[in-house]
Amino acid sequence: MTLVTEYVMRVRSTDMDSDRIVNNAHYFEYFQEARLVHLHALGVIGGQRREGDPDRSFTLAETTCTYRSPLRYRDEIVVRAWTKEVRTRSFSLAYEIAISGSDTIVAQGSSAQVWLDQSGKPTPLPDLLRDALQASIDGPGS
């Protein structure tokens, strides 16, 4: 079973545009927070660095967002993230934003992250990272 992490927040006044709905750029900020929560839950980021650990260097190569309905000031939302695909040099995450306590999905998105070496060139994912990401798709005991 795929691990889905959740990030809960309220829409801030600074997220609003002149039409009094959330500006489209903020959806990508919500995805970023959910990405960090997800990767932290997998132990990919946020832990103590130990000697011999791979350099945690990935870059965001692509992001998408499909808007379903607007968000408004003080809406409480749940941003969900999960690992969608693990490849040799990259991995993809998927996202959805829902109104808290309802089945209403207001946006869906994805991101592709590429692992980089010290010179900034794409390189294969370290085994520890690949294993953690793949396990989050397959679930325990798969």
N, C-alpha and C. Protein backbone atom coordinates (compact mmCIF):
# COMPACT_ATOMS: atom_id res chain seq x y z
N MET A 1 0.84 -1.18 0.00
CA MET A 1 0.00 0.00 0.00
C MET A 1 0.89 1.25 0.00
N THR A 2 0.58 2.17 -0.84
CA THR A 2 1.38 3.39 -0.99
C THR A 2 1.25 4.29 0.24
N LEU A 3 2.38 4.80 0.72
CA LEU A 3 2.38 5.74 1.84
C LEU A 3 1.97 7.12 1.35
N VAL A 4 0.90 7.65 1.93
CA VAL A 4 0.43 9.00 1.61
C VAL A 4 0.63 9.85 2.86
N THR A 5 1.39 10.93 2.73
CA THR A 5 1.58 11.84 3.86
C THR A 5 0.66 13.04 3.68
N GLU A 6 0.34 13.69 4.81
CA GLU A 6 -0.59 14.83 4.78
C GLU A 6 0.01 16.03 5.49
N TYR A 7 -0.27 17.18 4.94
CA TYR A 7 0.12 18.47 5.52
C TYR A 7 -1.16 19.29 5.61
N VAL A 8 -1.54 19.71 6.82
CA VAL A 8 -2.78 20.46 7.04
C VAL A 8 -2.43 21.92 7.33
N MET A 9 -3.18 22.83 6.72
CA MET A 9 -2.93 24.26 6.94
C MET A 9 -4.20 25.06 6.65
N ARG A 10 -4.19 26.31 7.07
CA ARG A 10 -5.24 27.26 6.71
C ARG A 10 -4.70 28.22 5.67
N VAL A 11 -5.54 28.58 4.72
CA VAL A 11 -5.15 29.55 3.71
C VAL A 11 -4.91 30.89 4.39
N ARG A 12 -3.78 31.51 4.08
CA ARG A 12 -3.37 32.77 4.69
C ARG A 12 -3.87 33.95 3.86
N SER A 13 -3.99 35.09 4.50
CA SER A 13 -4.43 36.29 3.77
C SER A 13 -3.42 36.68 2.70
N THR A 14 -2.15 36.40 2.94
CA THR A 14 -1.11 36.75 1.97
C THR A 14 -1.13 35.85 0.73
N ASP A 15 -1.93 34.79 0.76
CA ASP A 15 -2.05 33.89 -0.40
C ASP A 15 -3.08 34.37 -1.41
N MET A 16 -3.84 35.41 -1.05
CA MET A 16 -4.97 35.85 -1.87
C MET A 16 -4.53 36.77 -3.00
N ASP A 17 -5.30 36.75 -4.09
CA ASP A 17 -5.06 37.70 -5.17
C ASP A 17 -6.18 38.75 -5.18
N SER A 18 -6.22 39.59 -6.19
CA SER A 18 -7.20 40.69 -6.22
C SER A 18 -8.64 40.20 -6.37
N ASP A 19 -8.81 38.95 -6.80
CA ASP A 19 -10.16 38.38 -6.90
C ASP A 19 -10.59 37.69 -5.60
N ARG A 20 -9.75 37.79 -4.57
CA ARG A 20 -10.02 37.22 -3.24
C ARG A 20 -10.09 35.69 -3.25
N ILE A 21 -9.29 35.11 -4.14
CA ILE A 21 -9.06 33.66 -4.13
C ILE A 21 -7.55 33.44 -4.09
N VAL A 22 -7.14 32.21 -3.77
CA VAL A 22 -5.72 31.93 -3.68
C VAL A 22 -5.07 32.08 -5.06
N ASN A 23 -3.98 32.84 -5.09
CA ASN A 23 -3.21 33.02 -6.32
C ASN A 23 -2.61 31.68 -6.73
N ASN A 24 -2.61 31.41 -8.03
CA ASN A 24 -2.16 30.11 -8.53
C ASN A 24 -0.75 29.72 -8.08
N ALA A 25 0.14 30.66 -7.93
CA ALA A 25 1.52 30.34 -7.55
C ALA A 25 1.60 29.70 -6.16
N HIS A 26 0.66 30.01 -5.29
CA HIS A 26 0.71 29.47 -3.93
C HIS A 26 0.42 27.97 -3.88
N TYR A 27 -0.27 27.45 -4.87
CA TYR A 27 -0.51 26.01 -4.90
C TYR A 27 0.82 25.26 -4.96
N PHE A 28 1.78 25.82 -5.69
CA PHE A 28 3.10 25.19 -5.78
C PHE A 28 3.84 25.27 -4.44
N GLU A 29 3.61 26.33 -3.68
CA GLU A 29 4.18 26.42 -2.33
C GLU A 29 3.57 25.34 -1.43
N TYR A 30 2.27 25.13 -1.56
CA TYR A 30 1.61 24.07 -0.78
C TYR A 30 2.20 22.70 -1.15
N PHE A 31 2.41 22.47 -2.45
CA PHE A 31 3.03 21.22 -2.89
C PHE A 31 4.44 21.08 -2.31
N GLN A 32 5.19 22.19 -2.28
CA GLN A 32 6.55 22.14 -1.75
C GLN A 32 6.54 21.72 -0.29
N GLU A 33 5.65 22.29 0.51
CA GLU A 33 5.57 21.90 1.92
C GLU A 33 5.23 20.42 2.06
N ALA A 34 4.27 19.96 1.25
CA ALA A 34 3.88 18.55 1.29
C ALA A 34 5.04 17.65 0.86
N ARG A 35 5.82 18.09 -0.13
CA ARG A 35 6.98 17.33 -0.59
C ARG A 35 7.98 17.17 0.56
N LEU A 36 8.25 18.26 1.27
CA LEU A 36 9.20 18.19 2.38
C LEU A 36 8.70 17.29 3.50
N VAL A 37 7.41 17.38 3.82
CA VAL A 37 6.82 16.49 4.84
C VAL A 37 6.97 15.04 4.40
N HIS A 38 6.67 14.76 3.14
CA HIS A 38 6.74 13.39 2.62
C HIS A 38 8.18 12.85 2.67
N LEU A 39 9.13 13.63 2.16
CA LEU A 39 10.51 13.17 2.14
C LEU A 39 11.09 13.05 3.54
N HIS A 40 10.66 13.90 4.45
CA HIS A 40 11.10 13.78 5.84
C HIS A 40 10.54 12.50 6.46
N ALA A 41 9.28 12.19 6.19
CA ALA A 41 8.67 10.96 6.72
C ALA A 41 9.39 9.71 6.22
N LEU A 42 9.96 9.78 5.03
CA LEU A 42 10.70 8.65 4.47
C LEU A 42 12.15 8.61 4.96
N GLY A 43 12.58 9.64 5.68
CA GLY A 43 13.96 9.70 6.14
C GLY A 43 14.93 10.17 5.07
N VAL A 44 14.40 10.69 3.98
CA VAL A 44 15.24 11.14 2.87
C VAL A 44 15.88 12.49 3.19
N ILE A 45 15.18 13.35 3.93
CA ILE A 45 15.72 14.64 4.35
C ILE A 45 15.46 14.84 5.83
N GLY A 46 16.17 15.77 6.42
CA GLY A 46 15.89 16.18 7.79
C GLY A 46 16.60 15.42 8.88
N GLY A 47 17.24 14.32 8.54
CA GLY A 47 17.94 13.55 9.56
C GLY A 47 19.35 14.07 9.79
N GLN A 48 19.98 13.54 10.80
CA GLN A 48 21.38 13.88 11.06
C GLN A 48 22.24 13.28 9.96
N ARG A 49 23.15 14.06 9.44
CA ARG A 49 24.08 13.54 8.44
C ARG A 49 25.18 12.75 9.14
N ARG A 50 25.46 11.60 8.57
CA ARG A 50 26.54 10.76 9.08
C ARG A 50 27.62 10.65 8.02
N GLU A 51 28.82 10.40 8.46
CA GLU A 51 29.91 10.23 7.50
C GLU A 51 29.57 9.07 6.57
N GLY A 52 29.77 9.30 5.28
CA GLY A 52 29.47 8.26 4.29
C GLY A 52 28.08 8.37 3.70
N ASP A 53 27.21 9.21 4.29
CA ASP A 53 25.87 9.41 3.71
C ASP A 53 26.02 10.08 2.35
N PRO A 54 25.15 9.71 1.41
CA PRO A 54 25.21 10.40 0.12
C PRO A 54 24.79 11.86 0.27
N ASP A 55 25.40 12.71 -0.55
CA ASP A 55 25.01 14.12 -0.57
C ASP A 55 23.57 14.20 -1.04
N ARG A 56 22.71 14.80 -0.24
CA ARG A 56 21.29 14.89 -0.60
C ARG A 56 21.08 16.07 -1.53
N SER A 57 21.34 15.85 -2.78
CA SER A 57 21.28 16.93 -3.74
C SER A 57 20.36 16.56 -4.89
N PHE A 58 19.14 17.06 -4.84
CA PHE A 58 18.26 16.87 -5.98
C PHE A 58 17.67 18.21 -6.37
N THR A 59 17.26 18.31 -7.60
CA THR A 59 16.66 19.54 -8.09
C THR A 59 15.28 19.23 -8.65
N LEU A 60 14.43 20.21 -8.57
CA LEU A 60 13.09 20.09 -9.11
C LEU A 60 13.17 20.32 -10.62
N ALA A 61 12.81 19.31 -11.40
CA ALA A 61 12.91 19.40 -12.86
C ALA A 61 11.60 19.79 -13.52
N GLU A 62 10.48 19.43 -12.89
CA GLU A 62 9.17 19.72 -13.49
C GLU A 62 8.10 19.72 -12.40
N THR A 63 7.15 20.63 -12.52
CA THR A 63 5.98 20.62 -11.65
C THR A 63 4.74 20.88 -12.49
N THR A 64 3.62 20.29 -12.05
CA THR A 64 2.35 20.52 -12.72
C THR A 64 1.27 20.78 -11.68
N CYS A 65 0.23 21.46 -12.09
CA CYS A 65 -0.93 21.67 -11.22
C CYS A 65 -2.17 21.79 -12.09
N THR A 66 -3.18 21.02 -11.74
CA THR A 66 -4.49 21.12 -12.38
C THR A 66 -5.44 21.67 -11.32
N TYR A 67 -6.01 22.83 -11.60
CA TYR A 67 -6.89 23.50 -10.66
C TYR A 67 -8.33 23.03 -10.89
N ARG A 68 -9.01 22.65 -9.81
CA ARG A 68 -10.39 22.16 -9.90
C ARG A 68 -11.40 23.19 -9.40
N SER A 69 -11.06 23.86 -8.31
CA SER A 69 -11.94 24.91 -7.77
C SER A 69 -11.11 25.84 -6.90
N PRO A 70 -11.56 27.08 -6.70
CA PRO A 70 -10.74 28.05 -5.98
C PRO A 70 -10.72 27.80 -4.47
N LEU A 71 -9.64 28.25 -3.87
CA LEU A 71 -9.52 28.29 -2.41
C LEU A 71 -9.70 29.73 -1.96
N ARG A 72 -10.23 29.87 -0.75
CA ARG A 72 -10.49 31.20 -0.20
C ARG A 72 -9.84 31.35 1.17
N TYR A 73 -9.73 32.59 1.60
CA TYR A 73 -9.13 32.92 2.89
C TYR A 73 -9.75 32.10 4.01
N ARG A 74 -8.88 31.52 4.83
CA ARG A 74 -9.22 30.74 6.02
C ARG A 74 -9.75 29.34 5.71
N ASP A 75 -9.82 28.94 4.45
CA ASP A 75 -10.14 27.53 4.16
C ASP A 75 -9.09 26.67 4.84
N GLU A 76 -9.53 25.60 5.49
CA GLU A 76 -8.57 24.63 6.02
C GLU A 76 -8.41 23.55 4.96
N ILE A 77 -7.16 23.30 4.61
CA ILE A 77 -6.89 22.34 3.54
C ILE A 77 -5.96 21.23 4.01
N VAL A 78 -6.05 20.11 3.31
CA VAL A 78 -5.14 18.98 3.50
C VAL A 78 -4.40 18.80 2.18
N VAL A 79 -3.08 18.86 2.25
CA VAL A 79 -2.26 18.64 1.06
C VAL A 79 -1.62 17.27 1.23
N ARG A 80 -1.94 16.37 0.31
CA ARG A 80 -1.43 15.00 0.37
C ARG A 80 -0.31 14.83 -0.66
N ALA A 81 0.67 14.00 -0.29
CA ALA A 81 1.78 13.70 -1.20
C ALA A 81 2.11 12.22 -1.13
N TRP A 82 2.51 11.67 -2.27
CA TRP A 82 2.94 10.28 -2.30
C TRP A 82 3.93 10.10 -3.45
N THR A 83 4.74 9.06 -3.33
CA THR A 83 5.71 8.74 -4.37
C THR A 83 4.98 8.06 -5.52
N LYS A 84 5.15 8.59 -6.70
CA LYS A 84 4.46 8.07 -7.88
C LYS A 84 5.35 7.11 -8.68
N GLU A 85 6.63 7.47 -8.81
CA GLU A 85 7.53 6.67 -9.65
C GLU A 85 8.97 6.88 -9.20
N VAL A 86 9.76 5.81 -9.27
CA VAL A 86 11.19 5.89 -8.98
C VAL A 86 11.93 5.38 -10.22
N ARG A 87 12.81 6.22 -10.72
CA ARG A 87 13.60 5.86 -11.91
C ARG A 87 15.08 5.83 -11.53
N THR A 88 15.94 5.63 -12.50
CA THR A 88 17.37 5.51 -12.23
C THR A 88 17.95 6.78 -11.63
N ARG A 89 17.64 7.93 -12.21
CA ARG A 89 18.22 9.21 -11.77
C ARG A 89 17.19 10.17 -11.19
N SER A 90 15.95 9.75 -11.13
CA SER A 90 14.90 10.70 -10.71
C SER A 90 13.76 9.97 -10.01
N PHE A 91 12.90 10.77 -9.41
CA PHE A 91 11.67 10.23 -8.82
C PHE A 91 10.57 11.26 -8.98
N SER A 92 9.34 10.78 -9.01
CA SER A 92 8.18 11.65 -9.17
C SER A 92 7.27 11.52 -7.97
N LEU A 93 6.72 12.64 -7.56
CA LEU A 93 5.73 12.67 -6.49
C LEU A 93 4.41 13.18 -7.06
N ALA A 94 3.32 12.78 -6.44
CA ALA A 94 1.99 13.26 -6.82
C ALA A 94 1.39 13.98 -5.61
N TYR A 95 0.49 14.91 -5.89
CA TYR A 95 -0.12 15.73 -4.84
C TYR A 95 -1.61 15.91 -5.11
N GLU A 96 -2.33 16.13 -4.02
CA GLU A 96 -3.69 16.63 -4.15
C GLU A 96 -3.97 17.55 -2.97
N ILE A 97 -4.78 18.55 -3.23
CA ILE A 97 -5.21 19.48 -2.20
C ILE A 97 -6.71 19.32 -2.06
N ALA A 98 -7.15 19.11 -0.82
CA ALA A 98 -8.57 18.92 -0.54
C ALA A 98 -9.00 19.86 0.58
N ILE A 99 -10.27 20.20 0.58
CA ILE A 99 -10.84 20.94 1.71
C ILE A 99 -10.90 19.97 2.88
N SER A 100 -10.38 20.37 4.01
CA SER A 100 -10.34 19.51 5.19
C SER A 100 -11.75 19.06 5.58
N GLY A 101 -11.88 17.77 5.85
CA GLY A 101 -13.16 17.23 6.29
C GLY A 101 -14.16 16.97 5.18
N SER A 102 -13.71 17.06 3.92
CA SER A 102 -14.62 16.80 2.80
C SER A 102 -13.89 16.00 1.73
N ASP A 103 -14.63 15.57 0.75
CA ASP A 103 -14.04 14.85 -0.38
C ASP A 103 -13.73 15.78 -1.55
N THR A 104 -13.86 17.09 -1.34
CA THR A 104 -13.66 18.06 -2.41
C THR A 104 -12.18 18.24 -2.71
N ILE A 105 -11.76 17.79 -3.89
CA ILE A 105 -10.38 17.98 -4.36
C ILE A 105 -10.34 19.30 -5.13
N VAL A 106 -9.51 20.23 -4.68
CA VAL A 106 -9.44 21.53 -5.35
C VAL A 106 -8.28 21.63 -6.34
N ALA A 107 -7.28 20.77 -6.19
CA ALA A 107 -6.15 20.78 -7.12
C ALA A 107 -5.41 19.46 -7.04
N GLN A 108 -4.78 19.10 -8.16
CA GLN A 108 -3.93 17.92 -8.23
C GLN A 108 -2.65 18.31 -8.95
N GLY A 109 -1.55 17.67 -8.58
CA GLY A 109 -0.30 18.03 -9.23
C GLY A 109 0.74 16.94 -9.13
N SER A 110 1.90 17.25 -9.67
CA SER A 110 3.02 16.31 -9.63
C SER A 110 4.33 17.10 -9.70
N SER A 111 5.40 16.42 -9.33
CA SER A 111 6.73 17.00 -9.48
C SER A 111 7.71 15.90 -9.82
N ALA A 112 8.74 16.27 -10.58
CA ALA A 112 9.83 15.35 -10.91
C ALA A 112 11.11 15.94 -10.33
N GLN A 113 11.82 15.12 -9.57
CA GLN A 113 13.08 15.52 -8.94
C GLN A 113 14.20 14.70 -9.55
N VAL A 114 15.32 15.35 -9.86
CA VAL A 114 16.47 14.68 -10.46
C VAL A 114 17.64 14.76 -9.47
N TRP A 115 18.32 13.63 -9.27
CA TRP A 115 19.48 13.57 -8.38
C TRP A 115 20.70 14.08 -9.13
N LEU A 116 21.48 14.93 -8.47
CA LEU A 116 22.66 15.55 -9.10
C LEU A 116 23.93 15.17 -8.37
N ASP A 117 25.03 15.07 -9.14
CA ASP A 117 26.33 14.86 -8.52
C ASP A 117 26.92 16.21 -8.12
N GLN A 118 28.15 16.18 -7.64
CA GLN A 118 28.81 17.41 -7.15
C GLN A 118 28.94 18.48 -8.22
N SER A 119 29.00 18.06 -9.49
CA SER A 119 29.16 19.03 -10.57
C SER A 119 27.83 19.49 -11.15
N GLY A 120 26.72 18.97 -10.61
CA GLY A 120 25.40 19.38 -11.07
C GLY A 120 24.85 18.56 -12.23
N LYS A 121 25.50 17.43 -12.52
CA LYS A 121 25.02 16.56 -13.60
C LYS A 121 24.14 15.45 -13.02
N PRO A 122 23.09 15.04 -13.76
CA PRO A 122 22.24 13.94 -13.29
C PRO A 122 23.07 12.67 -13.06
N THR A 123 22.78 11.99 -11.96
CA THR A 123 23.51 10.78 -11.59
C THR A 123 22.51 9.81 -10.94
N PRO A 124 22.82 8.52 -10.91
CA PRO A 124 21.88 7.57 -10.31
C PRO A 124 21.57 7.88 -8.84
N LEU A 125 20.33 7.62 -8.47
CA LEU A 125 19.92 7.80 -7.07
C LEU A 125 20.74 6.86 -6.18
N PRO A 126 21.16 7.31 -5.01
CA PRO A 126 21.82 6.41 -4.07
C PRO A 126 20.85 5.29 -3.66
N ASP A 127 21.41 4.11 -3.40
CA ASP A 127 20.57 2.96 -3.06
C ASP A 127 19.65 3.22 -1.88
N LEU A 128 20.15 3.88 -0.83
CA LEU A 128 19.32 4.16 0.35
C LEU A 128 18.11 5.00 -0.01
N LEU A 129 18.32 6.00 -0.84
CA LEU A 129 17.23 6.87 -1.28
C LEU A 129 16.25 6.10 -2.15
N ARG A 130 16.77 5.38 -3.13
CA ARG A 130 15.92 4.61 -4.03
C ARG A 130 15.08 3.60 -3.24
N ASP A 131 15.72 2.91 -2.30
CA ASP A 131 15.00 1.90 -1.51
C ASP A 131 13.88 2.52 -0.68
N ALA A 132 14.16 3.68 -0.05
CA ALA A 132 13.13 4.35 0.77
C ALA A 132 11.96 4.81 -0.09
N LEU A 133 12.26 5.39 -1.24
CA LEU A 133 11.20 5.85 -2.13
C LEU A 133 10.39 4.68 -2.67
N GLN A 134 11.08 3.61 -3.10
CA GLN A 134 10.37 2.45 -3.65
C GLN A 134 9.51 1.77 -2.58
N ALA A 135 10.02 1.68 -1.35
CA ALA A 135 9.25 1.07 -0.27
C ALA A 135 7.98 1.86 0.02
N SER A 136 8.02 3.19 -0.21
CA SER A 136 6.82 4.00 0.05
C SER A 136 5.74 3.76 -1.00
N ILE A 137 6.12 3.21 -2.15
CA ILE A 137 5.15 2.84 -3.18
C ILE A 137 4.63 1.43 -2.90
N ASP A 138 5.55 0.51 -2.64
CA ASP A 138 5.19 -0.90 -2.49
C ASP A 138 4.49 -1.21 -1.18
N GLY A 139 4.83 -0.46 -0.13
CA GLY A 139 4.27 -0.74 1.18
C GLY A 139 5.04 -1.86 1.87
N PRO A 140 4.77 -2.05 3.17
CA PRO A 140 5.50 -3.07 3.93
C PRO A 140 5.16 -4.48 3.45
N GLY A 141 6.18 -5.31 3.40
CA GLY A 141 5.97 -6.71 3.07
C GLY A 141 5.71 -7.00 1.61
N SER A 142 5.88 -6.00 0.74
CA SER A 142 5.63 -6.24 -0.70
C SER A 142 6.82 -6.86 -1.37
